[in-house]
Amino acid sequence: MPSAKTEITEITTGLAITGAPTLEAALAARAVANVDEAAWERLDELEQAGQHRQEFLAAWANGQAFLHAADGLRGRPPQLVEWKGPTQAPGDEVVPADLRVDHVWLVSCKYLSKVLANAAPSRLFDRGLVGGPARTAGDWYAEVAAGAYQALYAVVRLELGTRASLPPHASDLTPTHRAELRAYLDAGWSAEAQAAYRTLAVAVGKASADRFRQVLTKRTDAEAVLWRLLRIGSAPYFVLGAQRDRTLRLRVMTPWDWRQAHELKRIDVWGDDAGQPQVCWQAKVRDRATGEERTVDGHVEVRWSHGRFGKPPEAKVYLDTPHQRVPGYVTLQ
């Protein structure tokens, strides 16, 4: 189930887009499709209790802005606003849409989030985010830094001693073993384990960056990877939300638009000694109209899902450049 904040921001944005005169009237009309009765009841209770007032106000203002924007609906109330809700994307979906308006307009609601994607490391570093999620994900640490991974595991296994019956090799861990390790490591690493983990982090970052660099060898491939990193797809869409210091209202270009307006000069990637496995990326882009060059910075955290030695590692992609400075993200007019 989505968090209260997610339901408030996404559904309230949709309610404002419908053209209802007030939030109270919009909640009473329940004019956003695909919202179940339980979610409406939660929203009613939160609004009446005065909780999350800022989130309600910000989402309502963003939806109203889209309704009246020249790049948006230009004051024309739509016939249908649909909420995507907690459903999983059925395919390789580039556009991170939370709302759909009249079967055409796609809207992503992004509040205080810099996360662009969350993928299996092999899908990002070996395939440049091509294709949908893999049905099974391997253990990326074991694949790219087997020695350092086994060394860390050996330290932790030795510390646990007879308190857990663990196999000698990390590659043989079962879900039950991993649960035991997570419980033991909830309190943190010992000094020796911390040193071994840092060695692993550096090795994973370097190896992941080396693999990623191979995908970016050709400029046309690098350009396509940048589009996928920035969630630029064949359909235009809008981002409505907020950062810590400003409202976020953007129109996202398509690759066709992007190539007419910008030229990718290069993408650099490197492993970073950040205390956890991390890969930094930076794109240099030239504005065709002005000749000005801009950089777009981001990083990827490669970390266990569900805690230390939990489920296989995932690659979470972050955007470090403010959204409004990213080539291809246009301020809503």
C-alpha atoms as a PDB file:
ATOM      1  CA  MET A   1       0.000   0.000   0.000  1.00  0.00           C
ATOM      2  CA  PRO A   2       1.370   3.480  -0.830  1.00  0.00           C
ATOM      3  CA  SER A   3       2.342   5.778   2.038  1.00  0.00           C
ATOM      4  CA  ALA A   4      -0.085   8.456   3.241  1.00  0.00           C
ATOM      5  CA  LYS A   5       2.134  11.109   1.696  1.00  0.00           C
ATOM      6  CA  THR A   6       2.105   9.358  -1.690  1.00  0.00           C
ATOM      7  CA  GLU A   7      -1.675   9.019  -1.707  1.00  0.00           C
ATOM      8  CA  ILE A   8      -2.154  12.632  -0.663  1.00  0.00           C
ATOM      9  CA  THR A   9       0.193  14.143  -3.226  1.00  0.00           C
ATOM     10  CA  GLU A  10      -0.808  11.999  -6.187  1.00  0.00           C
ATOM     11  CA  ILE A  11      -4.579  11.821  -5.701  1.00  0.00           C
ATOM     12  CA  THR A  12      -4.906  15.464  -4.599  1.00  0.00           C
ATOM     13  CA  THR A  13      -2.973  16.588  -7.667  1.00  0.00           C
ATOM     14  CA  GLY A  14      -5.454  14.635  -9.786  1.00  0.00           C
ATOM     15  CA  LEU A  15      -8.417  16.124  -7.922  1.00  0.00           C
ATOM     16  CA  ALA A  16      -7.168  19.652  -8.622  1.00  0.00           C
ATOM     17  CA  ILE A  17      -6.753  18.832 -12.310  1.00  0.00           C
ATOM     18  CA  THR A  18     -10.445  17.874 -12.538  1.00  0.00           C
ATOM     19  CA  GLY A  19     -11.393  21.537 -12.104  1.00  0.00           C
ATOM     20  CA  ALA A  20     -13.292  21.188  -8.809  1.00  0.00           C
ATOM     21  CA  PRO A  21     -13.594  24.573  -7.054  1.00  0.00           C
ATOM     22  CA  THR A  22     -12.188  23.446  -3.686  1.00  0.00           C
ATOM     23  CA  LEU A  23     -10.379  20.486  -2.164  1.00  0.00           C
ATOM     24  CA  GLU A  24     -13.428  19.692  -0.015  1.00  0.00           C
ATOM     25  CA  ALA A  25     -15.692  19.623  -3.081  1.00  0.00           C
ATOM     26  CA  ALA A  26     -13.174  17.507  -4.987  1.00  0.00           C
ATOM     27  CA  LEU A  27     -12.938  14.948  -2.175  1.00  0.00           C
ATOM     28  CA  ALA A  28     -16.717  14.748  -1.994  1.00  0.00           C
ATOM     29  CA  ALA A  29     -17.002  14.242  -5.777  1.00  0.00           C
ATOM     30  CA  ARG A  30     -14.263  11.579  -5.828  1.00  0.00           C
ATOM     31  CA  ALA A  31     -13.663  12.374  -9.469  1.00  0.00           C
ATOM     32  CA  VAL A  32     -10.324  10.548  -9.883  1.00  0.00           C
ATOM     33  CA  ALA A  33     -10.681   7.046 -11.309  1.00  0.00           C
ATOM     34  CA  ASN A  34      -8.959   3.886  -9.987  1.00  0.00           C
ATOM     35  CA  VAL A  35      -8.997   5.034  -6.349  1.00  0.00           C
ATOM     36  CA  ASP A  36     -10.592   2.450  -4.066  1.00  0.00           C
ATOM     37  CA  GLU A  37     -12.981   3.211  -1.216  1.00  0.00           C
ATOM     38  CA  ALA A  38     -10.370   2.593   1.476  1.00  0.00           C
ATOM     39  CA  ALA A  39      -8.008   5.171  -0.049  1.00  0.00           C
ATOM     40  CA  TRP A  40     -10.810   7.774  -0.236  1.00  0.00           C
ATOM     41  CA  GLU A  41     -11.634   7.164   3.418  1.00  0.00           C
ATOM     42  CA  ARG A  42      -7.990   7.583   4.416  1.00  0.00           C
ATOM     43  CA  LEU A  43      -7.772  10.867   2.493  1.00  0.00           C
ATOM     44  CA  ASP A  44     -10.979  12.162   4.089  1.00  0.00           C
ATOM     45  CA  GLU A  45      -9.704  11.340   7.572  1.00  0.00           C
ATOM     46  CA  LEU A  46      -6.300  12.925   6.991  1.00  0.00           C
ATOM     47  CA  GLU A  47      -7.778  16.088   5.510  1.00  0.00           C
ATOM     48  CA  GLN A  48     -10.370  16.487   8.275  1.00  0.00           C
ATOM     49  CA  ALA A  49      -7.741  15.887  10.954  1.00  0.00           C
ATOM     50  CA  GLY A  50      -5.586  18.653   9.494  1.00  0.00           C
ATOM     51  CA  GLN A  51      -2.675  16.290   9.024  1.00  0.00           C
ATOM     52  CA  HIS A  52      -0.201  16.766   6.178  1.00  0.00           C
ATOM     53  CA  ARG A  53      -1.700  20.186   5.481  1.00  0.00           C
ATOM     54  CA  GLN A  54       1.337  21.307   3.494  1.00  0.00           C
ATOM     55  CA  GLU A  55       1.206  18.233   1.259  1.00  0.00           C
ATOM     56  CA  PHE A  56      -2.492  18.790   0.526  1.00  0.00           C
ATOM     57  CA  LEU A  57      -1.918  22.464  -0.286  1.00  0.00           C
ATOM     58  CA  ALA A  58       1.151  21.853  -2.460  1.00  0.00           C
ATOM     59  CA  ALA A  59      -0.497  19.059  -4.446  1.00  0.00           C
ATOM     60  CA  TRP A  60      -3.681  21.101  -4.947  1.00  0.00           C
ATOM     61  CA  ALA A  61      -1.656  24.110  -6.176  1.00  0.00           C
ATOM     62  CA  ASN A  62       0.320  21.938  -8.608  1.00  0.00           C
ATOM     63  CA  GLY A  63      -2.803  20.351 -10.057  1.00  0.00           C
ATOM     64  CA  GLN A  64      -4.398  23.782 -10.476  1.00  0.00           C
ATOM     65  CA  ALA A  65      -1.236  25.072 -12.181  1.00  0.00           C
ATOM     66  CA  PHE A  66      -1.325  22.202 -14.688  1.00  0.00           C
ATOM     67  CA  LEU A  67      -5.037  22.769 -15.340  1.00  0.00           C
ATOM     68  CA  HIS A  68      -4.428  26.411 -16.281  1.00  0.00           C
ATOM     69  CA  ALA A  69      -0.932  26.224 -17.845  1.00  0.00           C
ATOM     70  CA  ALA A  70      -0.442  27.039 -21.526  1.00  0.00           C
ATOM     71  CA  ASP A  71       1.671  23.861 -21.802  1.00  0.00           C
ATOM     72  CA  GLY A  72      -1.044  21.937 -19.943  1.00  0.00           C
ATOM     73  CA  LEU A  73      -4.833  21.944 -20.176  1.00  0.00           C
ATOM     74  CA  ARG A  74      -5.201  25.735 -20.706  1.00  0.00           C
ATOM     75  CA  GLY A  75      -8.161  25.923 -18.361  1.00  0.00           C
ATOM     76  CA  ARG A  76     -10.158  23.098 -19.992  1.00  0.00           C
ATOM     77  CA  PRO A  77     -11.465  20.693 -17.338  1.00  0.00           C
ATOM     78  CA  PRO A  78     -10.793  17.109 -18.460  1.00  0.00           C
ATOM     79  CA  GLN A  79     -13.361  14.357 -18.788  1.00  0.00           C
ATOM     80  CA  LEU A  80     -11.203  11.718 -17.097  1.00  0.00           C
ATOM     81  CA  VAL A  81      -8.367  11.718 -14.579  1.00  0.00           C
ATOM     82  CA  GLU A  82      -6.939   8.293 -13.659  1.00  0.00           C
ATOM     83  CA  TRP A  83      -4.612   7.353 -10.823  1.00  0.00           C
ATOM     84  CA  LYS A  84      -2.079   4.629 -11.487  1.00  0.00           C
ATOM     85  CA  GLY A  85      -1.887   3.754  -7.803  1.00  0.00           C
ATOM     86  CA  PRO A  86       0.280   0.965  -6.381  1.00  0.00           C
ATOM     87  CA  THR A  87       0.094  -1.235  -9.481  1.00  0.00           C
ATOM     88  CA  GLN A  88       3.404  -2.468 -10.895  1.00  0.00           C
ATOM     89  CA  ALA A  89       4.376  -1.349 -14.391  1.00  0.00           C
ATOM     90  CA  PRO A  90       3.354  -4.171 -16.773  1.00  0.00           C
ATOM     91  CA  GLY A  91       6.319  -3.666 -19.115  1.00  0.00           C
ATOM     92  CA  ASP A  92       9.441  -1.643 -19.810  1.00  0.00           C
ATOM     93  CA  GLU A  93       7.906   1.664 -18.823  1.00  0.00           C
ATOM     94  CA  VAL A  94      10.150   4.710 -19.273  1.00  0.00           C
ATOM     95  CA  VAL A  95       7.588   7.344 -18.287  1.00  0.00           C
ATOM     96  CA  PRO A  96       7.071   7.281 -14.487  1.00  0.00           C
ATOM     97  CA  ALA A  97       3.440   8.398 -14.724  1.00  0.00           C
ATOM     98  CA  ASP A  98       1.248   8.525 -11.619  1.00  0.00           C
ATOM     99  CA  LEU A  99      -1.742  10.166 -13.311  1.00  0.00           C
ATOM    100  CA  ARG A 100      -3.274  10.019 -16.793  1.00  0.00           C
ATOM    101  CA  VAL A 101      -5.593  12.736 -18.066  1.00  0.00           C
ATOM    102  CA  ASP A 102      -8.089  12.098 -20.900  1.00  0.00           C
ATOM    103  CA  HIS A 103      -6.032   9.071 -22.022  1.00  0.00           C
ATOM    104  CA  VAL A 104      -3.303  11.456 -23.274  1.00  0.00           C
ATOM    105  CA  TRP A 105      -1.648  13.636 -20.654  1.00  0.00           C
ATOM    106  CA  LEU A 106       0.788  11.822 -18.358  1.00  0.00           C
ATOM    107  CA  VAL A 107       1.774  13.323 -15.011  1.00  0.00           C
ATOM    108  CA  SER A 108       4.494  12.230 -12.580  1.00  0.00           C
ATOM    109  CA  CYS A 109       4.210  13.476  -8.989  1.00  0.00           C
ATOM    110  CA  LYS A 110       7.625  13.925  -7.372  1.00  0.00           C
ATOM    111  CA  TYR A 111       7.866  15.386  -3.894  1.00  0.00           C
ATOM    112  CA  LEU A 112      11.313  15.761  -2.295  1.00  0.00           C
ATOM    113  CA  SER A 113      12.666  12.833  -4.283  1.00  0.00           C
ATOM    114  CA  LYS A 114      15.794  12.678  -6.408  1.00  0.00           C
ATOM    115  CA  VAL A 115      15.423   8.989  -7.278  1.00  0.00           C
ATOM    116  CA  LEU A 116      15.263   8.371 -11.030  1.00  0.00           C
ATOM    117  CA  ALA A 117      15.222   4.571 -11.128  1.00  0.00           C
ATOM    118  CA  ASN A 118      15.637   1.458  -9.033  1.00  0.00           C
ATOM    119  CA  ALA A 119      16.897  -1.462 -11.108  1.00  0.00           C
ATOM    120  CA  ALA A 120      18.870  -4.668 -10.953  1.00  0.00           C
ATOM    121  CA  PRO A 121      22.566  -3.731 -11.276  1.00  0.00           C
ATOM    122  CA  SER A 122      23.023  -5.905 -14.369  1.00  0.00           C
ATOM    123  CA  ARG A 123      20.152  -4.121 -16.107  1.00  0.00           C
ATOM    124  CA  LEU A 124      21.797  -0.750 -15.481  1.00  0.00           C
ATOM    125  CA  PHE A 125      25.513  -1.465 -15.795  1.00  0.00           C
ATOM    126  CA  ASP A 126      25.421  -4.189 -18.486  1.00  0.00           C
ATOM    127  CA  ARG A 127      22.313  -3.176 -20.470  1.00  0.00           C
ATOM    128  CA  GLY A 128      21.991   0.549 -19.914  1.00  0.00           C
ATOM    129  CA  LEU A 129      18.432   0.117 -18.538  1.00  0.00           C
ATOM    130  CA  VAL A 130      17.238  -1.604 -21.714  1.00  0.00           C
ATOM    131  CA  GLY A 131      14.408  -4.072 -21.177  1.00  0.00           C
ATOM    132  CA  GLY A 132      12.087  -4.686 -18.285  1.00  0.00           C
ATOM    133  CA  PRO A 133      12.988  -5.992 -14.834  1.00  0.00           C
ATOM    134  CA  ALA A 134      14.619  -9.414 -14.720  1.00  0.00           C
ATOM    135  CA  ARG A 135      12.547 -12.227 -13.227  1.00  0.00           C
ATOM    136  CA  THR A 136      15.479 -13.262 -11.082  1.00  0.00           C
ATOM    137  CA  ALA A 137      18.327 -11.070  -9.925  1.00  0.00           C
ATOM    138  CA  GLY A 138      21.776 -12.476  -9.284  1.00  0.00           C
ATOM    139  CA  ASP A 139      24.105 -11.412  -6.501  1.00  0.00           C
ATOM    140  CA  TRP A 140      25.961  -8.486  -8.047  1.00  0.00           C
ATOM    141  CA  TYR A 141      28.570  -8.333  -5.275  1.00  0.00           C
ATOM    142  CA  ALA A 142      29.515 -11.961  -5.868  1.00  0.00           C
ATOM    143  CA  GLU A 143      29.667 -11.358  -9.620  1.00  0.00           C
ATOM    144  CA  VAL A 144      31.891  -8.271  -9.738  1.00  0.00           C
ATOM    145  CA  ALA A 145      33.871  -8.448  -6.467  1.00  0.00           C
ATOM    146  CA  ALA A 146      33.792 -12.086  -5.367  1.00  0.00           C
ATOM    147  CA  GLY A 147      36.987 -11.979  -3.317  1.00  0.00           C
ATOM    148  CA  ALA A 148      36.081  -8.871  -1.319  1.00  0.00           C
ATOM    149  CA  TYR A 149      32.532 -10.134  -0.814  1.00  0.00           C
ATOM    150  CA  GLN A 150      33.726 -13.480   0.526  1.00  0.00           C
ATOM    151  CA  ALA A 151      36.250 -11.719   2.781  1.00  0.00           C
ATOM    152  CA  LEU A 152      33.508  -9.612   4.361  1.00  0.00           C
ATOM    153  CA  TYR A 153      31.283 -12.643   4.800  1.00  0.00           C
ATOM    154  CA  ALA A 154      34.119 -14.602   6.421  1.00  0.00           C
ATOM    155  CA  VAL A 155      34.624 -11.848   9.007  1.00  0.00           C
ATOM    156  CA  VAL A 156      30.936 -11.747   9.903  1.00  0.00           C
ATOM    157  CA  ARG A 157      30.630 -15.541   9.975  1.00  0.00           C
ATOM    158  CA  LEU A 158      33.601 -15.790  12.315  1.00  0.00           C
ATOM    159  CA  GLU A 159      32.094 -13.162  14.622  1.00  0.00           C
ATOM    160  CA  LEU A 160      28.796 -15.024  14.776  1.00  0.00           C
ATOM    161  CA  GLY A 161      30.529 -18.274  15.620  1.00  0.00           C
ATOM    162  CA  THR A 162      28.195 -21.016  16.828  1.00  0.00           C
ATOM    163  CA  ARG A 163      25.226 -18.656  17.223  1.00  0.00           C
ATOM    164  CA  ALA A 164      24.245 -19.404  13.617  1.00  0.00           C
ATOM    165  CA  SER A 165      24.819 -22.340  11.310  1.00  0.00           C
ATOM    166  CA  LEU A 166      26.152 -20.606   8.205  1.00  0.00           C
ATOM    167  CA  PRO A 167      27.747 -22.139   5.088  1.00  0.00           C
ATOM    168  CA  PRO A 168      31.460 -21.418   4.471  1.00  0.00           C
ATOM    169  CA  HIS A 169      30.781 -19.554   1.218  1.00  0.00           C
ATOM    170  CA  ALA A 170      28.590 -16.483   0.733  1.00  0.00           C
ATOM    171  CA  SER A 171      27.346 -17.901  -2.567  1.00  0.00           C
ATOM    172  CA  ASP A 172      25.555 -20.675  -0.638  1.00  0.00           C
ATOM    173  CA  LEU A 173      23.484 -18.386   1.588  1.00  0.00           C
ATOM    174  CA  THR A 174      19.764 -19.186   1.727  1.00  0.00           C
ATOM    175  CA  PRO A 175      16.986 -16.729   2.653  1.00  0.00           C
ATOM    176  CA  THR A 176      17.024 -18.200   6.182  1.00  0.00           C
ATOM    177  CA  HIS A 177      20.772 -17.597   6.509  1.00  0.00           C
ATOM    178  CA  ARG A 178      20.357 -14.045   5.238  1.00  0.00           C
ATOM    179  CA  ALA A 179      17.640 -13.356   7.794  1.00  0.00           C
ATOM    180  CA  GLU A 180      19.997 -14.492  10.573  1.00  0.00           C
ATOM    181  CA  LEU A 181      22.744 -12.240   9.265  1.00  0.00           C
ATOM    182  CA  ARG A 182      20.423  -9.242   9.016  1.00  0.00           C
ATOM    183  CA  ALA A 183      19.275  -9.716  12.603  1.00  0.00           C
ATOM    184  CA  TYR A 184      22.856  -9.934  13.843  1.00  0.00           C
ATOM    185  CA  LEU A 185      23.993  -6.894  11.836  1.00  0.00           C
ATOM    186  CA  ASP A 186      21.098  -4.625  12.799  1.00  0.00           C
ATOM    187  CA  ALA A 187      23.377  -3.101  15.431  1.00  0.00           C
ATOM    188  CA  GLY A 188      26.000  -2.266  12.795  1.00  0.00           C
ATOM    189  CA  TRP A 189      29.403  -3.505  11.643  1.00  0.00           C
ATOM    190  CA  SER A 190      32.278  -4.298  13.946  1.00  0.00           C
ATOM    191  CA  ALA A 191      35.492  -2.358  13.220  1.00  0.00           C
ATOM    192  CA  GLU A 192      36.958  -5.318  11.307  1.00  0.00           C
ATOM    193  CA  ALA A 193      33.749  -5.889   9.332  1.00  0.00           C
ATOM    194  CA  GLN A 194      33.495  -2.168   8.568  1.00  0.00           C
ATOM    195  CA  ALA A 195      36.990  -2.217   7.057  1.00  0.00           C
ATOM    196  CA  ALA A 196      36.123  -5.287   4.984  1.00  0.00           C
ATOM    197  CA  TYR A 197      32.868  -3.664   3.855  1.00  0.00           C
ATOM    198  CA  ARG A 198      34.692  -0.527   2.733  1.00  0.00           C
ATOM    199  CA  THR A 199      37.079  -2.668   0.673  1.00  0.00           C
ATOM    200  CA  LEU A 200      34.056  -4.369  -0.883  1.00  0.00           C
ATOM    201  CA  ALA A 201      32.368  -1.011  -1.563  1.00  0.00           C
ATOM    202  CA  VAL A 202      35.372   0.364  -3.426  1.00  0.00           C
ATOM    203  CA  ALA A 203      35.769  -2.850  -5.453  1.00  0.00           C
ATOM    204  CA  VAL A 204      32.078  -2.972  -6.392  1.00  0.00           C
ATOM    205  CA  GLY A 205      32.045   0.709  -7.361  1.00  0.00           C
ATOM    206  CA  LYS A 206      35.089   0.374  -9.607  1.00  0.00           C
ATOM    207  CA  ALA A 207      33.965  -2.872 -11.249  1.00  0.00           C
ATOM    208  CA  SER A 208      30.416  -1.555 -11.800  1.00  0.00           C
ATOM    209  CA  ALA A 209      31.756   1.643 -13.375  1.00  0.00           C
ATOM    210  CA  ASP A 210      34.045  -0.386 -15.645  1.00  0.00           C
ATOM    211  CA  ARG A 211      31.079  -2.473 -16.842  1.00  0.00           C
ATOM    212  CA  PHE A 212      28.915   0.626 -17.292  1.00  0.00           C
ATOM    213  CA  ARG A 213      31.649   2.364 -19.297  1.00  0.00           C
ATOM    214  CA  GLN A 214      31.534  -0.402 -21.894  1.00  0.00           C
ATOM    215  CA  VAL A 215      27.854   0.304 -22.514  1.00  0.00           C
ATOM    216  CA  LEU A 216      28.635   3.997 -23.081  1.00  0.00           C
ATOM    217  CA  THR A 217      31.433   3.533 -25.654  1.00  0.00           C
ATOM    218  CA  LYS A 218      29.409   4.727 -28.668  1.00  0.00           C
ATOM    219  CA  ARG A 219      27.943   8.221 -28.482  1.00  0.00           C
ATOM    220  CA  THR A 220      24.577   7.113 -29.832  1.00  0.00           C
ATOM    221  CA  ASP A 221      24.398   4.423 -27.159  1.00  0.00           C
ATOM    222  CA  ALA A 222      25.478   6.894 -24.482  1.00  0.00           C
ATOM    223  CA  GLU A 223      22.796   9.343 -25.594  1.00  0.00           C
ATOM    224  CA  ALA A 224      20.103   6.663 -25.332  1.00  0.00           C
ATOM    225  CA  VAL A 225      21.360   5.657 -21.874  1.00  0.00           C
ATOM    226  CA  LEU A 226      21.228   9.286 -20.718  1.00  0.00           C
ATOM    227  CA  TRP A 227      17.624   9.545 -21.915  1.00  0.00           C
ATOM    228  CA  ARG A 228      16.743   6.409 -19.964  1.00  0.00           C
ATOM    229  CA  LEU A 229      18.565   7.672 -16.862  1.00  0.00           C
ATOM    230  CA  LEU A 230      16.614  10.944 -17.029  1.00  0.00           C
ATOM    231  CA  ARG A 231      13.345   9.120 -17.797  1.00  0.00           C
ATOM    232  CA  ILE A 232      13.038  10.776 -21.192  1.00  0.00           C
ATOM    233  CA  GLY A 233      10.819   8.597 -23.375  1.00  0.00           C
ATOM    234  CA  SER A 234       8.859   8.648 -26.605  1.00  0.00           C
ATOM    235  CA  ALA A 235       5.804  10.181 -24.907  1.00  0.00           C
ATOM    236  CA  PRO A 236       5.999  13.692 -23.424  1.00  0.00           C
ATOM    237  CA  TYR A 237       4.885  14.013 -19.817  1.00  0.00           C
ATOM    238  CA  PHE A 238       4.821  16.453 -16.921  1.00  0.00           C
ATOM    239  CA  VAL A 239       6.441  16.452 -13.485  1.00  0.00           C
ATOM    240  CA  LEU A 240       4.516  18.152 -10.675  1.00  0.00           C
ATOM    241  CA  GLY A 241       5.948  18.244  -7.190  1.00  0.00           C
ATOM    242  CA  ALA A 242       8.361  20.063  -4.947  1.00  0.00           C
ATOM    243  CA  GLN A 243      11.988  20.247  -3.909  1.00  0.00           C
ATOM    244  CA  ARG A 244      13.118  21.547  -0.558  1.00  0.00           C
ATOM    245  CA  ASP A 245      13.487  25.111  -1.812  1.00  0.00           C
ATOM    246  CA  ARG A 246      11.006  25.401  -4.679  1.00  0.00           C
ATOM    247  CA  THR A 247       7.923  24.136  -6.459  1.00  0.00           C
ATOM    248  CA  LEU A 248       8.588  21.624  -9.236  1.00  0.00           C
ATOM    249  CA  ARG A 249       6.506  22.038 -12.420  1.00  0.00           C
ATOM    250  CA  LEU A 250       8.155  20.698 -15.546  1.00  0.00           C
ATOM    251  CA  ARG A 251       7.455  19.434 -19.029  1.00  0.00           C
ATOM    252  CA  VAL A 252       9.763  16.573 -20.023  1.00  0.00           C
ATOM    253  CA  MET A 253      10.935  16.491 -23.628  1.00  0.00           C
ATOM    254  CA  THR A 254      10.895  13.441 -25.891  1.00  0.00           C
ATOM    255  CA  PRO A 255      14.167  12.219 -27.483  1.00  0.00           C
ATOM    256  CA  TRP A 256      13.034  13.903 -30.709  1.00  0.00           C
ATOM    257  CA  ASP A 257      12.687  17.248 -28.920  1.00  0.00           C
ATOM    258  CA  TRP A 258      15.871  16.711 -26.913  1.00  0.00           C
ATOM    259  CA  ARG A 259      18.069  16.064 -29.941  1.00  0.00           C
ATOM    260  CA  GLN A 260      16.781  19.187 -31.676  1.00  0.00           C
ATOM    261  CA  ALA A 261      17.616  21.312 -28.646  1.00  0.00           C
ATOM    262  CA  HIS A 262      20.723  19.628 -27.204  1.00  0.00           C
ATOM    263  CA  GLU A 263      23.873  17.720 -28.117  1.00  0.00           C
ATOM    264  CA  LEU A 264      25.509  15.190 -25.834  1.00  0.00           C
ATOM    265  CA  LYS A 265      29.249  15.763 -25.698  1.00  0.00           C
ATOM    266  CA  ARG A 266      30.229  12.956 -23.317  1.00  0.00           C
ATOM    267  CA  ILE A 267      29.284  10.862 -20.293  1.00  0.00           C
ATOM    268  CA  ASP A 268      31.815  10.002 -17.613  1.00  0.00           C
ATOM    269  CA  VAL A 269      31.333   7.335 -14.948  1.00  0.00           C
ATOM    270  CA  TRP A 270      33.569   6.358 -12.048  1.00  0.00           C
ATOM    271  CA  GLY A 271      33.479   4.375  -8.839  1.00  0.00           C
ATOM    272  CA  ASP A 272      33.395   6.507  -5.713  1.00  0.00           C
ATOM    273  CA  ASP A 273      34.770   5.798  -2.238  1.00  0.00           C
ATOM    274  CA  ALA A 274      31.550   6.826  -0.484  1.00  0.00           C
ATOM    275  CA  GLY A 275      31.344   4.364   2.381  1.00  0.00           C
ATOM    276  CA  GLN A 276      29.027   2.134   0.364  1.00  0.00           C
ATOM    277  CA  PRO A 277      29.211   0.828  -3.227  1.00  0.00           C
ATOM    278  CA  GLN A 278      28.601   3.854  -5.436  1.00  0.00           C
ATOM    279  CA  VAL A 279      29.051   4.869  -9.061  1.00  0.00           C
ATOM    280  CA  CYS A 280      29.009   8.539 -10.058  1.00  0.00           C
ATOM    281  CA  TRP A 281      27.942   9.701 -13.504  1.00  0.00           C
ATOM    282  CA  GLN A 282      28.209  13.055 -15.255  1.00  0.00           C
ATOM    283  CA  ALA A 283      26.911  14.113 -18.677  1.00  0.00           C
ATOM    284  CA  LYS A 284      28.162  17.162 -20.562  1.00  0.00           C
ATOM    285  CA  VAL A 285      25.483  18.629 -22.830  1.00  0.00           C
ATOM    286  CA  ARG A 286      25.634  21.537 -25.299  1.00  0.00           C
ATOM    287  CA  ASP A 287      22.653  23.789 -25.928  1.00  0.00           C
ATOM    288  CA  ARG A 288      22.344  24.025 -29.712  1.00  0.00           C
ATOM    289  CA  ALA A 289      20.735  27.481 -29.637  1.00  0.00           C
ATOM    290  CA  THR A 290      23.230  29.217 -27.332  1.00  0.00           C
ATOM    291  CA  GLY A 291      26.297  26.976 -27.530  1.00  0.00           C
ATOM    292  CA  GLU A 292      26.386  26.873 -23.737  1.00  0.00           C
ATOM    293  CA  GLU A 293      27.601  23.648 -22.137  1.00  0.00           C
ATOM    294  CA  ARG A 294      25.954  22.284 -19.015  1.00  0.00           C
ATOM    295  CA  THR A 295      26.659  19.281 -16.833  1.00  0.00           C
ATOM    296  CA  VAL A 296      24.170  16.855 -15.355  1.00  0.00           C
ATOM    297  CA  ASP A 297      25.392  14.965 -12.304  1.00  0.00           C
ATOM    298  CA  GLY A 298      24.060  11.892 -10.591  1.00  0.00           C
ATOM    299  CA  HIS A 299      25.101   8.806  -8.717  1.00  0.00           C
ATOM    300  CA  VAL A 300      24.067   5.188  -8.282  1.00  0.00           C
ATOM    301  CA  GLU A 301      23.974   3.464  -4.921  1.00  0.00           C
ATOM    302  CA  VAL A 302      24.497  -0.302  -5.246  1.00  0.00           C
ATOM    303  CA  ARG A 303      23.227  -1.725  -1.987  1.00  0.00           C
ATOM    304  CA  TRP A 304      21.528  -4.737  -0.498  1.00  0.00           C
ATOM    305  CA  SER A 305      17.767  -4.738  -0.591  1.00  0.00           C
ATOM    306  CA  HIS A 306      16.216  -5.186   2.881  1.00  0.00           C
ATOM    307  CA  GLY A 307      19.339  -4.674   4.957  1.00  0.00           C
ATOM    308  CA  ARG A 308      22.872  -6.068   5.207  1.00  0.00           C
ATOM    309  CA  PHE A 309      23.170  -9.442   3.471  1.00  0.00           C
ATOM    310  CA  GLY A 310      19.438  -9.198   2.741  1.00  0.00           C
ATOM    311  CA  LYS A 311      18.092  -9.688  -0.757  1.00  0.00           C
ATOM    312  CA  PRO A 312      20.420  -9.275  -3.774  1.00  0.00           C
ATOM    313  CA  PRO A 313      21.814  -5.771  -4.357  1.00  0.00           C
ATOM    314  CA  GLU A 314      19.817  -3.180  -6.283  1.00  0.00           C
ATOM    315  CA  ALA A 315      21.025  -0.113  -8.173  1.00  0.00           C
ATOM    316  CA  LYS A 316      19.239   3.071  -7.122  1.00  0.00           C
ATOM    317  CA  VAL A 317      19.853   5.974  -9.510  1.00  0.00           C
ATOM    318  CA  TYR A 318      19.850   9.512  -8.082  1.00  0.00           C
ATOM    319  CA  LEU A 319      19.829  12.890  -9.839  1.00  0.00           C
ATOM    320  CA  ASP A 320      22.171  15.334  -8.080  1.00  0.00           C
ATOM    321  CA  THR A 321      21.608  18.307 -10.411  1.00  0.00           C
ATOM    322  CA  PRO A 322      18.452  20.298  -9.567  1.00  0.00           C
ATOM    323  CA  HIS A 323      15.636  19.237 -11.889  1.00  0.00           C
ATOM    324  CA  GLN A 324      15.104  22.709 -13.343  1.00  0.00           C
ATOM    325  CA  ARG A 325      18.735  22.790 -14.575  1.00  0.00           C
ATOM    326  CA  VAL A 326      18.569  19.492 -16.472  1.00  0.00           C
ATOM    327  CA  PRO A 327      18.552  19.728 -20.285  1.00  0.00           C
ATOM    328  CA  GLY A 328      15.247  18.277 -21.422  1.00  0.00           C
ATOM    329  CA  TYR A 329      13.283  19.372 -18.339  1.00  0.00           C
ATOM    330  CA  VAL A 330      11.385  22.544 -19.289  1.00  0.00           C
ATOM    331  CA  THR A 331       9.671  24.802 -16.757  1.00  0.00           C
ATOM    332  CA  LEU A 332       5.894  24.631 -17.190  1.00  0.00           C
ATOM    333  CA  GLN A 333       4.499  27.700 -18.929  1.00  0.00           C
END
